[in-house]
Amino acid sequence: YDCDVLGVCEVDHYDDFFAPTLEPEGYDGAYKRKRSPAKDGVAIFWRRRRLEEALRRSVFLDRHKGPGSQVALLQRLHVPGAVAGQGRNLVVCSTHLRASKGDDIRMQQAAEVVSALSDFARGDPQVILADVNSEAPIGSGSSAVAANTVFEYFQACGYRCAYREVHQSLGGFVQGDSAFPRFTTWAGWASGDFRSVCDHIFVAGGVQVASVLDVPCERRLAETFHERLPNSEYPSDHMSLVADLAL
């Protein structure tokens, strides 16, 4: 899709696969591994002809003092202007919240992400690329009255979901159908299917959403791939989310 920015979670071969594969395609990148003994982390890649690397920060999401080693990677990118000195900055965050029962720890980790972004961004536009490991409730529109889930917490903090925003603009909520996308992960396990909307593109600070790429047709995926995800056509158990954003 010729993306200018890529966010990737559960990266365990950054130096010997992701970086050398994307570098010839015109991308520079940054990576932060979770705390040991974890072997994976999160990464951000950007197209070097369009964006310039600036300051970077990483934050371990472990204030809850319990098990877990998640991390958030914050990367400031400079968008050059047509005239020298007239460019803009964009802060991109890639993060992956803990998989566990209940949202208590994830809510704390989300609060740490928001706090770190508030301190780091200093008013610059922001994009969060995240697997929050928490279901997005149907019916959560552009704002939430009470933040009972991680999705609603980000909304309450002023972040907008790119997919929900486009869907709402097309009348999806008026029609009573706010489940968009229909899924972002769909695994066919021996115990049964696990399907959820837990991956998101959140935006804030003047970032406008022009369009988003929908996930594959549910019926075709179910009929063609009994194993659901991953499969020979989609090599991950999570779908890639794509959005056209404007500053």
Protein backbone atom coordinates (compact mmCIF):
# COMPACT_ATOMS: atom_id res chain seq x y z
CA TYR A 1 0.00 0.00 0.00
CA ASP A 2 3.07 2.26 -0.27
CA CYS A 3 2.69 3.43 3.34
CA ASP A 4 4.80 6.31 4.65
CA VAL A 5 4.72 4.96 8.22
CA LEU A 6 4.54 1.36 9.45
CA GLY A 7 3.95 0.15 13.01
CA VAL A 8 4.70 -3.48 13.86
CA CYS A 9 4.16 -5.46 17.08
CA GLU A 10 5.72 -8.72 18.26
CA VAL A 11 8.88 -8.07 16.26
CA ASP A 12 11.51 -10.69 17.08
CA HIS A 13 13.86 -10.42 14.07
CA TYR A 14 14.37 -6.70 13.63
CA ASP A 15 18.10 -6.71 12.83
CA ASP A 16 18.19 -9.80 10.64
CA PHE A 17 14.85 -9.51 8.82
CA PHE A 18 12.69 -6.41 9.17
CA ALA A 19 15.38 -3.71 8.96
CA PRO A 20 17.41 -5.26 6.09
CA THR A 21 14.21 -6.12 4.19
CA LEU A 22 12.66 -2.64 4.44
CA GLU A 23 15.85 -0.58 4.08
CA PRO A 24 16.20 -1.21 0.30
CA GLU A 25 12.52 -0.29 -0.05
CA GLY A 26 13.29 3.19 1.24
CA TYR A 27 12.46 2.83 4.94
CA ASP A 28 14.40 3.76 8.06
CA GLY A 29 13.26 2.36 11.37
CA ALA A 30 13.47 2.13 15.14
CA TYR A 31 12.94 -0.82 17.45
CA LYS A 32 12.57 -1.42 21.18
CA ARG A 33 12.52 -4.88 22.73
CA LYS A 34 10.44 -5.72 25.77
CA ARG A 35 12.20 -6.47 29.04
CA SER A 36 13.93 -9.85 29.30
CA PRO A 37 13.04 -12.69 29.09
CA ALA A 38 10.78 -11.53 26.25
CA LYS A 39 12.37 -11.87 22.80
CA ASP A 40 10.11 -9.51 20.87
CA GLY A 41 9.25 -5.83 20.83
CA VAL A 42 7.70 -3.05 18.75
CA ALA A 43 9.01 -1.17 15.73
CA ILE A 44 8.26 1.90 13.65
CA PHE A 45 9.39 2.37 10.05
CA TRP A 46 9.12 5.54 7.95
CA ARG A 47 9.80 6.40 4.32
CA ARG A 48 13.00 8.40 4.35
CA ARG A 49 12.22 10.47 1.26
CA ARG A 50 9.07 11.81 2.92
CA LEU A 51 9.94 11.93 6.62
CA GLU A 52 13.01 12.83 8.66
CA GLU A 53 13.98 11.15 11.92
CA ALA A 54 13.89 13.34 15.04
CA LEU A 55 13.76 12.58 18.78
CA ARG A 56 12.78 9.15 20.09
CA ARG A 57 11.70 7.77 23.44
CA SER A 58 10.76 4.34 24.74
CA VAL A 59 8.72 3.61 27.85
CA PHE A 60 8.41 0.30 29.67
CA LEU A 61 4.80 -0.18 30.74
CA ASP A 62 5.42 -1.79 34.11
CA ARG A 63 4.23 0.73 36.67
CA HIS A 64 1.69 -1.83 37.90
CA LYS A 65 4.62 -3.79 39.43
CA GLY A 66 3.25 -7.10 38.26
CA PRO A 67 4.34 -9.55 35.58
CA GLY A 68 4.51 -8.17 32.08
CA SER A 69 7.12 -6.50 29.95
CA GLN A 70 5.26 -4.39 27.42
CA VAL A 71 6.86 -1.32 25.89
CA ALA A 72 5.79 1.78 23.96
CA LEU A 73 8.04 3.29 21.29
CA LEU A 74 7.56 7.00 20.60
CA GLN A 75 9.14 8.46 17.47
CA ARG A 76 9.00 12.11 16.41
CA LEU A 77 9.16 12.50 12.64
CA HIS A 78 9.68 15.75 10.74
CA VAL A 79 7.62 16.42 7.63
CA PRO A 80 9.65 18.90 5.53
CA GLY A 81 7.78 21.82 4.00
CA ALA A 82 8.07 23.24 0.50
CA VAL A 83 10.04 26.11 2.02
CA ALA A 84 12.87 25.57 4.51
CA GLY A 85 11.69 26.04 8.08
CA GLN A 86 8.01 25.48 7.27
CA GLY A 87 7.77 21.77 7.98
CA ARG A 88 5.72 20.04 10.66
CA ASN A 89 6.32 17.33 13.22
CA LEU A 90 4.38 14.13 13.79
CA VAL A 91 4.69 11.82 16.80
CA VAL A 92 4.08 8.13 16.12
CA CYS A 93 3.67 5.56 18.91
CA SER A 94 3.80 1.81 18.43
CA THR A 95 2.72 -0.27 21.42
CA HIS A 96 1.33 -3.66 22.41
CA LEU A 97 -0.56 -3.95 25.68
CA ARG A 98 -0.54 -7.04 27.84
CA ALA A 99 -2.71 -10.03 27.04
CA SER A 100 -4.48 -11.08 30.23
CA LYS A 101 -7.92 -11.52 31.68
CA GLY A 102 -9.57 -8.27 32.63
CA ASP A 103 -8.67 -4.77 31.59
CA ASP A 104 -7.20 -3.49 34.87
CA ILE A 105 -3.53 -3.84 33.91
CA ARG A 106 -4.16 -2.78 30.32
CA MET A 107 -5.98 0.35 31.52
CA GLN A 108 -2.92 1.21 33.62
CA GLN A 109 -0.64 0.59 30.65
CA ALA A 110 -2.85 2.76 28.45
CA ALA A 111 -2.60 5.53 31.04
CA GLU A 112 1.20 5.23 30.93
CA VAL A 113 1.14 5.51 27.13
CA VAL A 114 -1.06 8.62 27.23
CA SER A 115 1.10 10.21 29.93
CA ALA A 116 4.29 9.53 27.99
CA LEU A 117 2.78 10.93 24.79
CA SER A 118 1.52 14.05 26.55
CA ASP A 119 5.01 14.76 27.86
CA PHE A 120 6.83 13.84 24.66
CA ALA A 121 4.55 15.25 21.95
CA ARG A 122 4.28 18.76 23.43
CA GLY A 123 1.34 19.61 21.19
CA ASP A 124 2.52 17.87 18.02
CA PRO A 125 -0.02 15.74 16.11
CA GLN A 126 -0.04 12.11 17.22
CA VAL A 127 -0.74 8.68 15.77
CA ILE A 128 -0.95 5.56 17.95
CA LEU A 129 -0.54 2.18 16.23
CA ALA A 130 -1.54 -0.39 18.82
CA ASP A 131 -2.63 -3.89 19.66
CA VAL A 132 -4.44 -3.17 22.92
CA ASN A 133 -5.51 -6.81 23.54
CA SER A 134 -8.93 -5.51 24.55
CA GLU A 135 -12.18 -5.72 22.62
CA ALA A 136 -13.56 -2.46 21.23
CA PRO A 137 -17.18 -2.28 22.40
CA ILE A 138 -19.88 -1.93 19.77
CA GLY A 139 -21.57 1.43 20.07
CA SER A 140 -18.53 3.49 21.08
CA GLY A 141 -18.64 6.41 18.70
CA SER A 142 -16.45 9.50 18.67
CA SER A 143 -16.57 9.89 22.44
CA ALA A 144 -17.36 7.77 25.46
CA VAL A 145 -19.33 8.80 28.55
CA ALA A 146 -17.43 6.41 30.80
CA ALA A 147 -14.13 4.68 30.08
CA ASN A 148 -14.77 1.04 30.94
CA THR A 149 -12.40 -0.40 28.33
CA VAL A 150 -9.01 0.50 26.89
CA PHE A 151 -10.65 1.65 23.65
CA GLU A 152 -12.95 3.99 25.57
CA TYR A 153 -10.06 5.22 27.69
CA PHE A 154 -8.14 6.40 24.63
CA GLN A 155 -11.31 8.07 23.38
CA ALA A 156 -11.83 9.81 26.73
CA CYS A 157 -8.25 11.11 26.49
CA GLY A 158 -9.00 12.78 23.17
CA TYR A 159 -7.82 10.12 20.72
CA ARG A 160 -10.02 9.23 17.77
CA CYS A 161 -10.19 5.80 16.17
CA ALA A 162 -9.49 6.21 12.45
CA TYR A 163 -11.73 3.31 11.43
CA ARG A 164 -14.67 4.32 13.62
CA GLU A 165 -14.39 7.92 12.44
CA VAL A 166 -14.66 6.95 8.78
CA HIS A 167 -17.47 4.51 9.51
CA GLN A 168 -19.39 7.16 11.42
CA SER A 169 -18.96 9.68 8.63
CA LEU A 170 -20.55 7.16 6.26
CA GLY A 171 -23.58 6.71 8.49
CA GLY A 172 -22.63 3.44 10.13
CA PHE A 173 -23.70 4.50 13.61
CA VAL A 174 -26.97 5.91 12.33
CA GLN A 175 -27.71 2.48 10.88
CA GLY A 176 -26.88 0.86 14.21
CA ASP A 177 -23.85 -0.95 12.79
CA SER A 178 -20.75 0.32 14.61
CA ALA A 179 -18.74 -2.91 14.42
CA PHE A 180 -16.15 -1.62 11.99
CA PRO A 181 -13.85 -3.20 11.18
CA ARG A 182 -15.61 -6.50 11.70
CA PHE A 183 -12.45 -8.06 13.11
CA THR A 184 -8.74 -7.38 13.35
CA THR A 185 -7.76 -10.84 14.56
CA TRP A 186 -9.49 -14.15 13.83
CA ALA A 187 -7.70 -17.27 14.94
CA GLY A 188 -8.95 -20.79 14.36
CA TRP A 189 -7.92 -22.69 17.48
CA ALA A 190 -8.65 -26.31 18.39
CA SER A 191 -10.95 -25.00 21.13
CA GLY A 192 -12.82 -22.82 18.63
CA ASP A 193 -12.54 -19.53 16.81
CA PHE A 194 -11.22 -16.45 18.59
CA ARG A 195 -12.26 -13.23 16.90
CA SER A 196 -11.80 -9.70 18.16
CA VAL A 197 -11.32 -6.02 17.27
CA CYS A 198 -8.25 -5.22 19.35
CA ASP A 199 -5.92 -3.44 16.90
CA HIS A 200 -6.35 0.27 16.28
CA ILE A 201 -5.06 3.41 14.63
CA PHE A 202 -5.73 6.30 17.01
CA VAL A 203 -5.12 9.91 16.00
CA ALA A 204 -5.06 13.25 17.82
CA GLY A 205 -3.88 16.82 17.51
CA GLY A 206 -5.11 17.86 14.09
CA VAL A 207 -4.55 14.59 12.23
CA GLN A 208 -7.38 14.15 9.73
CA VAL A 209 -8.58 10.75 8.51
CA ALA A 210 -9.26 10.61 4.77
CA SER A 211 -9.92 6.88 4.31
CA VAL A 212 -9.22 3.42 5.72
CA LEU A 213 -8.76 -0.04 4.23
CA ASP A 214 -11.43 -2.54 5.25
CA VAL A 215 -10.55 -6.07 6.33
CA PRO A 216 -11.33 -9.03 4.03
CA CYS A 217 -14.86 -10.31 3.58
CA GLU A 218 -15.86 -12.47 6.54
CA ARG A 219 -17.68 -15.05 4.44
CA ARG A 220 -14.82 -15.52 1.99
CA LEU A 221 -12.27 -15.86 4.78
CA ALA A 222 -14.40 -18.40 6.64
CA GLU A 223 -15.15 -20.48 3.54
CA THR A 224 -11.64 -20.37 2.06
CA PHE A 225 -9.52 -20.76 5.17
CA HIS A 226 -10.82 -23.14 7.81
CA GLU A 227 -7.79 -22.26 9.93
CA ARG A 228 -8.85 -18.60 9.73
CA LEU A 229 -5.66 -16.59 10.47
CA PRO A 230 -2.81 -16.98 9.74
CA ASN A 231 -3.05 -18.69 6.35
CA SER A 232 -1.34 -18.80 2.97
CA GLU A 233 -2.80 -15.43 1.96
CA TYR A 234 -2.58 -13.57 5.27
CA PRO A 235 0.60 -14.57 7.15
CA SER A 236 -0.35 -13.13 10.55
CA ASP A 237 -3.16 -13.85 12.99
CA HIS A 238 -3.83 -10.08 12.93
CA MET A 239 -4.90 -8.04 9.92
CA SER A 240 -2.84 -5.08 8.71
CA LEU A 241 -4.77 -1.86 9.27
CA VAL A 242 -4.20 0.93 6.75
CA ALA A 243 -5.33 4.57 6.86
CA ASP A 244 -4.80 7.66 4.74
CA LEU A 245 -4.03 10.48 7.16
CA ALA A 246 -3.48 14.17 6.55
CA LEU A 247 -1.80 16.83 8.68
